[in-house]
Amino acid sequence: MASTQLLILISSLMLFQLAFSDPVKKIDVVVEGMVYCQSCEHAGSWSLSGAKPIPAAKVSVVCKNYKDQVSYYKVFETDGNGYFYAQLEGFTMSQCLVEHPLQSCHVKPVSSPLENCNLLTNVNYGLYGSPLRYESKKLLGSNYEAVIYAAGPLAFRPDHCPPPTHV
């Protein structure tokens, strides 16, 4: 009889804890950055001096698993200021360190809506995929947490730039 009461007490305490404990927080991964049109005077370098933001440019976020297979791919568009905020909905990460966003995800420029500035550059390794940086940014809500990573800035360049002169 005492063991039955003890079992009921333990079960009640467990149910009480479940009923009043915080629900599991959803943790999202977010990538943010900027896309620019590089000025002709800095074409061929990584300098973005004089660069102008590109509204409606497209970037892709690509993540690969430990087998080097694409596990996440989505294209995002910049806002009117050339800024992108890519919430990686559906991105899942296993316990494998190699699949952490800092290791497995990269951002690449896809397209520019500007006819006079639509050639890809390798600014911040844009051609191969700009790695993510952790900058200690988080958004916290009652049942929500977003870890925000940065990438880039990325750039396109005009196709009409004169070749650089060597002195």
N, C-alpha and C. Protein backbone atom coordinates (compact mmCIF):
# COMPACT_ATOMS: atom_id res chain seq x y z
N MET A 1 0.82 -1.18 0.00
CA MET A 1 0.00 0.00 0.00
C MET A 1 0.88 1.27 0.00
N ALA A 2 1.93 1.26 0.81
CA ALA A 2 2.83 2.42 0.86
C ALA A 2 3.54 2.61 -0.46
N SER A 3 3.90 1.49 -1.12
CA SER A 3 4.58 1.61 -2.41
C SER A 3 3.64 2.18 -3.46
N THR A 4 2.36 1.85 -3.38
CA THR A 4 1.38 2.40 -4.32
C THR A 4 1.23 3.90 -4.09
N GLN A 5 1.19 4.33 -2.83
CA GLN A 5 1.07 5.75 -2.53
C GLN A 5 2.32 6.51 -2.99
N LEU A 6 3.48 5.88 -2.78
CA LEU A 6 4.73 6.50 -3.23
C LEU A 6 4.75 6.65 -4.75
N LEU A 7 4.29 5.62 -5.44
CA LEU A 7 4.22 5.67 -6.90
C LEU A 7 3.27 6.77 -7.37
N ILE A 8 2.13 6.90 -6.70
CA ILE A 8 1.16 7.95 -7.05
C ILE A 8 1.76 9.33 -6.79
N LEU A 9 2.46 9.48 -5.66
CA LEU A 9 3.08 10.75 -5.33
C LEU A 9 4.15 11.12 -6.36
N ILE A 10 4.99 10.18 -6.73
CA ILE A 10 6.04 10.45 -7.72
C ILE A 10 5.43 10.79 -9.07
N SER A 11 4.41 10.05 -9.49
CA SER A 11 3.73 10.32 -10.76
C SER A 11 3.10 11.70 -10.75
N SER A 12 2.47 12.06 -9.62
CA SER A 12 1.83 13.37 -9.51
C SER A 12 2.86 14.49 -9.60
N LEU A 13 3.98 14.29 -8.93
CA LEU A 13 5.04 15.30 -8.99
C LEU A 13 5.58 15.45 -10.41
N MET A 14 5.73 14.36 -11.11
CA MET A 14 6.21 14.42 -12.50
C MET A 14 5.20 15.14 -13.39
N LEU A 15 3.91 14.84 -13.22
CA LEU A 15 2.88 15.52 -14.01
C LEU A 15 2.82 17.00 -13.66
N PHE A 16 2.96 17.32 -12.38
CA PHE A 16 2.97 18.71 -11.95
C PHE A 16 4.12 19.47 -12.60
N GLN A 17 5.28 18.83 -12.61
CA GLN A 17 6.45 19.45 -13.24
C GLN A 17 6.22 19.67 -14.73
N LEU A 18 5.63 18.68 -15.41
CA LEU A 18 5.34 18.83 -16.84
C LEU A 18 4.33 19.94 -17.09
N ALA A 19 3.34 20.03 -16.24
CA ALA A 19 2.28 21.01 -16.44
C ALA A 19 2.78 22.44 -16.25
N PHE A 20 3.72 22.63 -15.35
CA PHE A 20 4.16 23.98 -15.05
C PHE A 20 5.58 24.30 -15.48
N SER A 21 6.19 23.42 -16.22
CA SER A 21 7.54 23.71 -16.71
C SER A 21 7.47 24.51 -18.00
N ASP A 22 8.55 25.19 -18.33
CA ASP A 22 8.61 25.96 -19.57
C ASP A 22 8.60 25.01 -20.75
N PRO A 23 7.81 25.34 -21.78
CA PRO A 23 7.86 24.50 -22.98
C PRO A 23 9.23 24.62 -23.65
N VAL A 24 9.55 23.66 -24.45
CA VAL A 24 10.84 23.66 -25.13
C VAL A 24 10.90 24.85 -26.07
N LYS A 25 11.99 25.60 -25.99
CA LYS A 25 12.16 26.75 -26.87
C LYS A 25 12.54 26.29 -28.26
N LYS A 26 11.98 26.96 -29.23
CA LYS A 26 12.36 26.72 -30.62
C LYS A 26 13.59 27.58 -30.90
N ILE A 27 14.63 26.96 -31.41
CA ILE A 27 15.86 27.70 -31.73
C ILE A 27 16.00 27.75 -33.24
N ASP A 28 16.01 28.95 -33.77
CA ASP A 28 16.17 29.15 -35.21
C ASP A 28 17.55 29.69 -35.52
N VAL A 29 17.97 29.44 -36.75
CA VAL A 29 19.23 29.97 -37.25
C VAL A 29 18.88 31.06 -38.26
N VAL A 30 19.53 32.20 -38.13
CA VAL A 30 19.31 33.34 -39.02
C VAL A 30 20.67 33.79 -39.55
N VAL A 31 20.71 34.16 -40.83
CA VAL A 31 21.92 34.71 -41.43
C VAL A 31 21.56 36.09 -41.97
N GLU A 32 22.40 37.07 -41.69
CA GLU A 32 22.15 38.42 -42.20
C GLU A 32 23.40 38.94 -42.88
N GLY A 33 23.18 39.92 -43.75
CA GLY A 33 24.32 40.53 -44.45
C GLY A 33 23.86 41.58 -45.43
N MET A 34 24.81 42.09 -46.19
CA MET A 34 24.57 43.15 -47.17
C MET A 34 25.12 42.73 -48.52
N VAL A 35 24.50 43.27 -49.59
CA VAL A 35 24.98 43.06 -50.95
C VAL A 35 25.17 44.43 -51.58
N TYR A 36 26.35 44.62 -52.20
CA TYR A 36 26.72 45.91 -52.76
C TYR A 36 27.08 45.79 -54.24
N CYS A 37 27.08 46.96 -54.89
CA CYS A 37 27.66 47.11 -56.22
C CYS A 37 29.02 47.76 -56.01
N GLN A 38 30.07 47.01 -56.31
CA GLN A 38 31.43 47.50 -56.12
C GLN A 38 31.75 48.56 -57.17
N SER A 39 32.44 49.61 -56.77
CA SER A 39 32.79 50.67 -57.73
C SER A 39 33.90 50.18 -58.65
N CYS A 40 33.93 50.75 -59.85
CA CYS A 40 34.94 50.37 -60.84
C CYS A 40 36.36 50.60 -60.34
N GLU A 41 36.55 51.66 -59.58
CA GLU A 41 37.91 51.96 -59.12
C GLU A 41 38.47 50.89 -58.17
N HIS A 42 37.60 50.06 -57.61
CA HIS A 42 38.06 49.01 -56.71
C HIS A 42 37.81 47.61 -57.26
N ALA A 43 37.41 47.52 -58.53
CA ALA A 43 37.18 46.21 -59.15
C ALA A 43 38.46 45.39 -59.10
N GLY A 44 38.33 44.13 -58.81
CA GLY A 44 39.49 43.25 -58.72
C GLY A 44 40.08 43.19 -57.31
N SER A 45 39.55 43.99 -56.40
CA SER A 45 40.01 43.96 -55.01
C SER A 45 38.83 43.57 -54.12
N TRP A 46 39.07 43.52 -52.83
CA TRP A 46 37.99 43.24 -51.89
C TRP A 46 37.44 44.52 -51.29
N SER A 47 37.90 45.66 -51.75
CA SER A 47 37.46 46.93 -51.20
C SER A 47 36.03 47.24 -51.63
N LEU A 48 35.27 47.74 -50.68
CA LEU A 48 33.91 48.18 -50.98
C LEU A 48 33.77 49.69 -50.76
N SER A 49 34.88 50.40 -50.80
CA SER A 49 34.83 51.86 -50.72
C SER A 49 34.05 52.38 -51.92
N GLY A 50 33.12 53.24 -51.65
CA GLY A 50 32.31 53.80 -52.72
C GLY A 50 31.24 52.86 -53.25
N ALA A 51 31.10 51.68 -52.65
CA ALA A 51 30.08 50.71 -53.11
C ALA A 51 28.69 51.17 -52.69
N LYS A 52 27.71 50.78 -53.49
CA LYS A 52 26.32 51.15 -53.20
C LYS A 52 25.51 49.87 -52.96
N PRO A 53 24.61 49.88 -51.96
CA PRO A 53 23.78 48.71 -51.70
C PRO A 53 22.88 48.37 -52.89
N ILE A 54 22.60 47.09 -53.06
CA ILE A 54 21.74 46.65 -54.17
C ILE A 54 20.42 46.12 -53.61
N PRO A 55 19.32 46.86 -53.84
CA PRO A 55 18.01 46.34 -53.45
C PRO A 55 17.61 45.19 -54.38
N ALA A 56 16.88 44.24 -53.85
CA ALA A 56 16.32 43.10 -54.61
C ALA A 56 17.38 42.17 -55.21
N ALA A 57 18.61 42.22 -54.66
CA ALA A 57 19.62 41.24 -55.08
C ALA A 57 19.27 39.90 -54.44
N LYS A 58 19.69 38.83 -55.05
CA LYS A 58 19.40 37.51 -54.51
C LYS A 58 20.69 36.84 -54.05
N VAL A 59 20.60 36.20 -52.87
CA VAL A 59 21.71 35.42 -52.32
C VAL A 59 21.17 34.04 -51.95
N SER A 60 22.05 33.07 -51.97
CA SER A 60 21.64 31.73 -51.53
C SER A 60 22.40 31.35 -50.27
N VAL A 61 21.71 30.61 -49.41
CA VAL A 61 22.35 30.01 -48.25
C VAL A 61 22.41 28.52 -48.53
N VAL A 62 23.62 27.98 -48.49
CA VAL A 62 23.85 26.56 -48.78
C VAL A 62 24.52 25.94 -47.56
N CYS A 63 23.94 24.84 -47.07
CA CYS A 63 24.54 24.10 -45.95
C CYS A 63 24.76 22.67 -46.41
N LYS A 64 25.87 22.11 -45.98
CA LYS A 64 26.19 20.72 -46.34
C LYS A 64 26.35 19.89 -45.08
N ASN A 65 26.00 18.61 -45.18
CA ASN A 65 26.15 17.72 -44.03
C ASN A 65 27.56 17.13 -44.00
N TYR A 66 27.80 16.26 -43.04
CA TYR A 66 29.13 15.69 -42.87
C TYR A 66 29.56 14.83 -44.05
N LYS A 67 28.62 14.44 -44.91
CA LYS A 67 28.94 13.66 -46.11
C LYS A 67 29.17 14.58 -47.31
N ASP A 68 29.21 15.90 -47.07
CA ASP A 68 29.41 16.91 -48.10
C ASP A 68 28.25 16.95 -49.10
N GLN A 69 27.07 16.58 -48.62
CA GLN A 69 25.85 16.65 -49.44
C GLN A 69 25.05 17.88 -49.00
N VAL A 70 24.41 18.52 -49.96
CA VAL A 70 23.61 19.71 -49.63
C VAL A 70 22.43 19.27 -48.75
N SER A 71 22.37 19.86 -47.55
CA SER A 71 21.29 19.54 -46.61
C SER A 71 20.30 20.69 -46.49
N TYR A 72 20.70 21.87 -46.96
CA TYR A 72 19.81 23.03 -46.93
C TYR A 72 20.20 23.97 -48.07
N TYR A 73 19.19 24.47 -48.79
CA TYR A 73 19.44 25.45 -49.85
C TYR A 73 18.20 26.32 -49.98
N LYS A 74 18.39 27.61 -49.94
CA LYS A 74 17.28 28.52 -50.16
C LYS A 74 17.83 29.86 -50.63
N VAL A 75 17.07 30.52 -51.50
CA VAL A 75 17.45 31.83 -52.03
C VAL A 75 16.65 32.89 -51.28
N PHE A 76 17.33 33.96 -50.91
CA PHE A 76 16.72 35.08 -50.20
C PHE A 76 16.99 36.37 -50.97
N GLU A 77 16.12 37.36 -50.78
CA GLU A 77 16.24 38.63 -51.50
C GLU A 77 16.53 39.76 -50.52
N THR A 78 17.39 40.69 -50.95
CA THR A 78 17.70 41.84 -50.11
C THR A 78 16.53 42.82 -50.10
N ASP A 79 16.48 43.63 -49.05
CA ASP A 79 15.45 44.65 -48.96
C ASP A 79 15.88 45.90 -49.74
N GLY A 80 15.18 47.00 -49.57
CA GLY A 80 15.48 48.24 -50.30
C GLY A 80 16.82 48.85 -49.96
N ASN A 81 17.47 48.37 -48.89
CA ASN A 81 18.77 48.89 -48.47
C ASN A 81 19.90 47.91 -48.74
N GLY A 82 19.63 46.83 -49.48
CA GLY A 82 20.65 45.85 -49.79
C GLY A 82 20.91 44.86 -48.66
N TYR A 83 20.05 44.84 -47.65
CA TYR A 83 20.21 43.99 -46.47
C TYR A 83 19.38 42.71 -46.63
N PHE A 84 19.97 41.57 -46.27
CA PHE A 84 19.17 40.34 -46.25
C PHE A 84 19.13 39.76 -44.85
N TYR A 85 17.99 39.20 -44.51
CA TYR A 85 17.74 38.55 -43.24
C TYR A 85 17.17 37.19 -43.61
N ALA A 86 18.00 36.17 -43.51
CA ALA A 86 17.63 34.84 -43.97
C ALA A 86 17.34 33.93 -42.78
N GLN A 87 16.06 33.72 -42.52
CA GLN A 87 15.67 32.80 -41.45
C GLN A 87 15.66 31.40 -42.04
N LEU A 88 16.52 30.53 -41.55
CA LEU A 88 16.70 29.21 -42.14
C LEU A 88 15.65 28.24 -41.61
N GLU A 89 14.40 28.46 -41.99
CA GLU A 89 13.32 27.58 -41.56
C GLU A 89 13.53 26.20 -42.16
N GLY A 90 13.40 25.21 -41.32
CA GLY A 90 13.59 23.84 -41.78
C GLY A 90 15.03 23.36 -41.67
N PHE A 91 15.95 24.25 -41.31
CA PHE A 91 17.35 23.83 -41.14
C PHE A 91 17.44 22.99 -39.88
N THR A 92 18.01 21.81 -40.00
CA THR A 92 18.22 20.96 -38.84
C THR A 92 19.70 20.64 -38.71
N MET A 93 20.12 20.54 -37.49
CA MET A 93 21.52 20.30 -37.21
C MET A 93 21.62 19.05 -36.34
N SER A 94 22.45 18.13 -36.74
CA SER A 94 22.64 16.93 -35.93
C SER A 94 23.63 17.25 -34.82
N GLN A 95 24.01 16.27 -34.06
CA GLN A 95 24.98 16.46 -32.99
C GLN A 95 26.40 16.56 -33.53
N CYS A 96 26.56 16.35 -34.82
CA CYS A 96 27.88 16.38 -35.44
C CYS A 96 28.36 17.83 -35.55
N LEU A 97 29.53 18.11 -35.00
CA LEU A 97 30.08 19.47 -35.02
C LEU A 97 30.25 20.00 -36.43
N VAL A 98 30.53 19.12 -37.37
CA VAL A 98 30.73 19.52 -38.76
C VAL A 98 29.45 20.12 -39.35
N GLU A 99 28.29 19.78 -38.79
CA GLU A 99 27.02 20.29 -39.31
C GLU A 99 26.55 21.55 -38.58
N HIS A 100 27.39 22.12 -37.73
CA HIS A 100 27.07 23.40 -37.10
C HIS A 100 27.07 24.46 -38.19
N PRO A 101 26.16 25.45 -38.14
CA PRO A 101 26.09 26.46 -39.21
C PRO A 101 27.42 27.16 -39.51
N LEU A 102 28.24 27.37 -38.48
CA LEU A 102 29.52 28.04 -38.72
C LEU A 102 30.43 27.20 -39.61
N GLN A 103 30.27 25.89 -39.57
CA GLN A 103 31.10 24.99 -40.36
C GLN A 103 30.44 24.59 -41.68
N SER A 104 29.12 24.43 -41.66
CA SER A 104 28.46 23.80 -42.80
C SER A 104 27.76 24.76 -43.76
N CYS A 105 27.53 26.01 -43.37
CA CYS A 105 26.74 26.92 -44.21
C CYS A 105 27.58 28.05 -44.80
N HIS A 106 27.23 28.45 -46.02
CA HIS A 106 27.89 29.55 -46.72
C HIS A 106 26.84 30.34 -47.48
N VAL A 107 27.16 31.58 -47.78
CA VAL A 107 26.25 32.45 -48.52
C VAL A 107 26.92 32.84 -49.83
N LYS A 108 26.18 32.72 -50.93
CA LYS A 108 26.70 33.10 -52.25
C LYS A 108 25.76 34.11 -52.91
N PRO A 109 26.33 35.08 -53.60
CA PRO A 109 25.48 35.96 -54.40
C PRO A 109 24.92 35.17 -55.58
N VAL A 110 23.66 35.39 -55.90
CA VAL A 110 23.00 34.67 -57.00
C VAL A 110 22.76 35.59 -58.18
N SER A 111 22.08 36.71 -57.93
CA SER A 111 21.77 37.62 -59.05
C SER A 111 21.56 39.03 -58.53
N SER A 112 21.80 39.96 -59.44
CA SER A 112 21.58 41.38 -59.18
C SER A 112 20.55 41.88 -60.18
N PRO A 113 19.59 42.69 -59.73
CA PRO A 113 18.61 43.23 -60.67
C PRO A 113 19.15 44.40 -61.49
N LEU A 114 20.35 44.87 -61.15
CA LEU A 114 20.93 46.02 -61.85
C LEU A 114 21.64 45.56 -63.12
N GLU A 115 21.18 46.04 -64.26
CA GLU A 115 21.81 45.67 -65.53
C GLU A 115 23.24 46.19 -65.61
N ASN A 116 23.51 47.30 -64.95
CA ASN A 116 24.85 47.89 -65.01
C ASN A 116 25.76 47.41 -63.87
N CYS A 117 25.29 46.42 -63.08
CA CYS A 117 26.11 45.89 -61.98
C CYS A 117 25.65 44.48 -61.65
N ASN A 118 26.04 43.54 -62.50
CA ASN A 118 25.55 42.17 -62.30
C ASN A 118 26.61 41.08 -62.47
N LEU A 119 27.90 41.48 -62.46
CA LEU A 119 28.96 40.46 -62.51
C LEU A 119 29.35 40.07 -61.09
N LEU A 120 29.46 38.78 -60.87
CA LEU A 120 29.85 38.28 -59.55
C LEU A 120 31.28 38.69 -59.21
N THR A 121 31.52 38.93 -57.93
CA THR A 121 32.89 39.18 -57.46
C THR A 121 33.22 38.13 -56.40
N ASN A 122 34.48 38.08 -56.03
CA ASN A 122 34.90 37.17 -54.97
C ASN A 122 35.12 37.90 -53.65
N VAL A 123 34.50 39.06 -53.50
CA VAL A 123 34.60 39.79 -52.24
C VAL A 123 34.07 38.89 -51.13
N ASN A 124 34.88 38.71 -50.08
CA ASN A 124 34.54 37.84 -48.95
C ASN A 124 34.21 36.41 -49.38
N TYR A 125 34.93 35.93 -50.38
CA TYR A 125 34.79 34.57 -50.92
C TYR A 125 33.39 34.30 -51.49
N GLY A 126 32.77 35.34 -52.03
CA GLY A 126 31.43 35.20 -52.59
C GLY A 126 31.30 34.12 -53.64
N LEU A 127 32.32 33.94 -54.47
CA LEU A 127 32.24 32.93 -55.53
C LEU A 127 32.19 31.52 -54.98
N TYR A 128 32.85 31.30 -53.87
CA TYR A 128 32.93 29.95 -53.29
C TYR A 128 31.98 29.77 -52.11
N GLY A 129 31.46 30.87 -51.61
CA GLY A 129 30.56 30.84 -50.47
C GLY A 129 31.18 31.54 -49.28
N SER A 130 30.62 32.67 -48.94
CA SER A 130 31.11 33.45 -47.80
C SER A 130 30.79 32.71 -46.51
N PRO A 131 31.80 32.45 -45.68
CA PRO A 131 31.54 31.74 -44.42
C PRO A 131 30.74 32.60 -43.45
N LEU A 132 30.08 31.94 -42.50
CA LEU A 132 29.32 32.65 -41.49
C LEU A 132 30.23 33.06 -40.34
N ARG A 133 29.85 34.17 -39.69
CA ARG A 133 30.55 34.64 -38.51
C ARG A 133 29.55 34.74 -37.36
N TYR A 134 29.97 34.31 -36.19
CA TYR A 134 29.13 34.46 -35.00
C TYR A 134 29.48 35.79 -34.37
N GLU A 135 28.48 36.63 -34.16
CA GLU A 135 28.72 37.97 -33.62
C GLU A 135 27.94 38.21 -32.33
N SER A 136 27.67 37.15 -31.60
CA SER A 136 26.98 37.23 -30.30
C SER A 136 25.64 37.93 -30.37
N LYS A 137 24.90 37.71 -31.44
CA LYS A 137 23.58 38.31 -31.58
C LYS A 137 22.51 37.22 -31.45
N LYS A 138 21.52 37.51 -30.62
CA LYS A 138 20.40 36.59 -30.43
C LYS A 138 19.11 37.38 -30.31
N LEU A 139 18.02 36.79 -30.75
CA LEU A 139 16.69 37.32 -30.50
C LEU A 139 16.03 36.34 -29.54
N LEU A 140 15.49 36.85 -28.45
CA LEU A 140 14.87 35.99 -27.47
C LEU A 140 13.39 36.31 -27.33
N GLY A 141 12.59 35.28 -27.29
CA GLY A 141 11.16 35.41 -27.04
C GLY A 141 10.77 34.41 -25.97
N SER A 142 9.49 34.37 -25.62
CA SER A 142 9.08 33.46 -24.55
C SER A 142 9.28 31.99 -24.94
N ASN A 143 9.00 31.64 -26.18
CA ASN A 143 9.20 30.26 -26.64
C ASN A 143 10.06 30.21 -27.89
N TYR A 144 10.92 31.19 -28.03
CA TYR A 144 11.64 31.34 -29.28
C TYR A 144 13.03 31.90 -29.01
N GLU A 145 14.00 31.40 -29.72
CA GLU A 145 15.35 31.94 -29.66
C GLU A 145 15.94 31.84 -31.07
N ALA A 146 16.51 32.92 -31.53
CA ALA A 146 17.16 32.90 -32.84
C ALA A 146 18.61 33.30 -32.66
N VAL A 147 19.49 32.48 -33.17
CA VAL A 147 20.91 32.78 -33.18
C VAL A 147 21.20 33.41 -34.54
N ILE A 148 21.77 34.61 -34.52
CA ILE A 148 21.97 35.37 -35.76
C ILE A 148 23.45 35.35 -36.12
N TYR A 149 23.72 34.87 -37.33
CA TYR A 149 25.08 34.84 -37.86
C TYR A 149 25.17 35.89 -38.97
N ALA A 150 26.37 36.35 -39.25
CA ALA A 150 26.60 37.33 -40.32
C ALA A 150 27.40 36.67 -41.43
N ALA A 151 27.20 37.15 -42.64
CA ALA A 151 27.97 36.71 -43.80
C ALA A 151 28.27 37.92 -44.66
N GLY A 152 29.39 37.85 -45.37
CA GLY A 152 29.71 38.93 -46.30
C GLY A 152 30.37 40.10 -45.61
N PRO A 153 30.19 41.30 -46.15
CA PRO A 153 29.30 41.69 -47.23
C PRO A 153 29.72 41.09 -48.57
N LEU A 154 28.73 40.94 -49.45
CA LEU A 154 28.94 40.38 -50.77
C LEU A 154 28.79 41.49 -51.81
N ALA A 155 29.31 41.23 -53.02
CA ALA A 155 29.27 42.29 -54.02
C ALA A 155 29.18 41.75 -55.44
N PHE A 156 28.55 42.56 -56.26
CA PHE A 156 28.59 42.42 -57.72
C PHE A 156 29.40 43.61 -58.22
N ARG A 157 29.77 43.57 -59.50
CA ARG A 157 30.50 44.71 -60.05
C ARG A 157 29.97 45.02 -61.45
N PRO A 158 30.20 46.25 -61.92
CA PRO A 158 29.79 46.61 -63.28
C PRO A 158 30.61 45.85 -64.31
N ASP A 159 30.04 45.60 -65.47
CA ASP A 159 30.77 44.91 -66.54
C ASP A 159 31.52 45.88 -67.44
N HIS A 160 31.35 47.15 -67.22
CA HIS A 160 31.98 48.15 -68.09
C HIS A 160 33.24 48.79 -67.47
N CYS A 161 33.77 48.22 -66.44
CA CYS A 161 34.96 48.79 -65.79
C CYS A 161 36.18 48.62 -66.68
N PRO A 162 36.98 49.67 -66.79
CA PRO A 162 38.23 49.52 -67.57
C PRO A 162 39.18 48.61 -66.81
N PRO A 163 40.04 47.91 -67.53
CA PRO A 163 41.01 47.05 -66.85
C PRO A 163 41.91 47.88 -65.95
N PRO A 164 42.36 47.29 -64.83
CA PRO A 164 43.22 48.06 -63.93
C PRO A 164 44.55 48.40 -64.61
N THR A 165 45.05 49.57 -64.32
CA THR A 165 46.34 49.98 -64.88
C THR A 165 47.43 49.64 -63.89
N HIS A 166 48.50 49.07 -64.37
CA HIS A 166 49.62 48.71 -63.52
C HIS A 166 50.72 49.75 -63.71
N VAL A 167 51.21 50.23 -62.61
CA VAL A 167 52.25 51.26 -62.65
C VAL A 167 53.60 50.65 -62.58
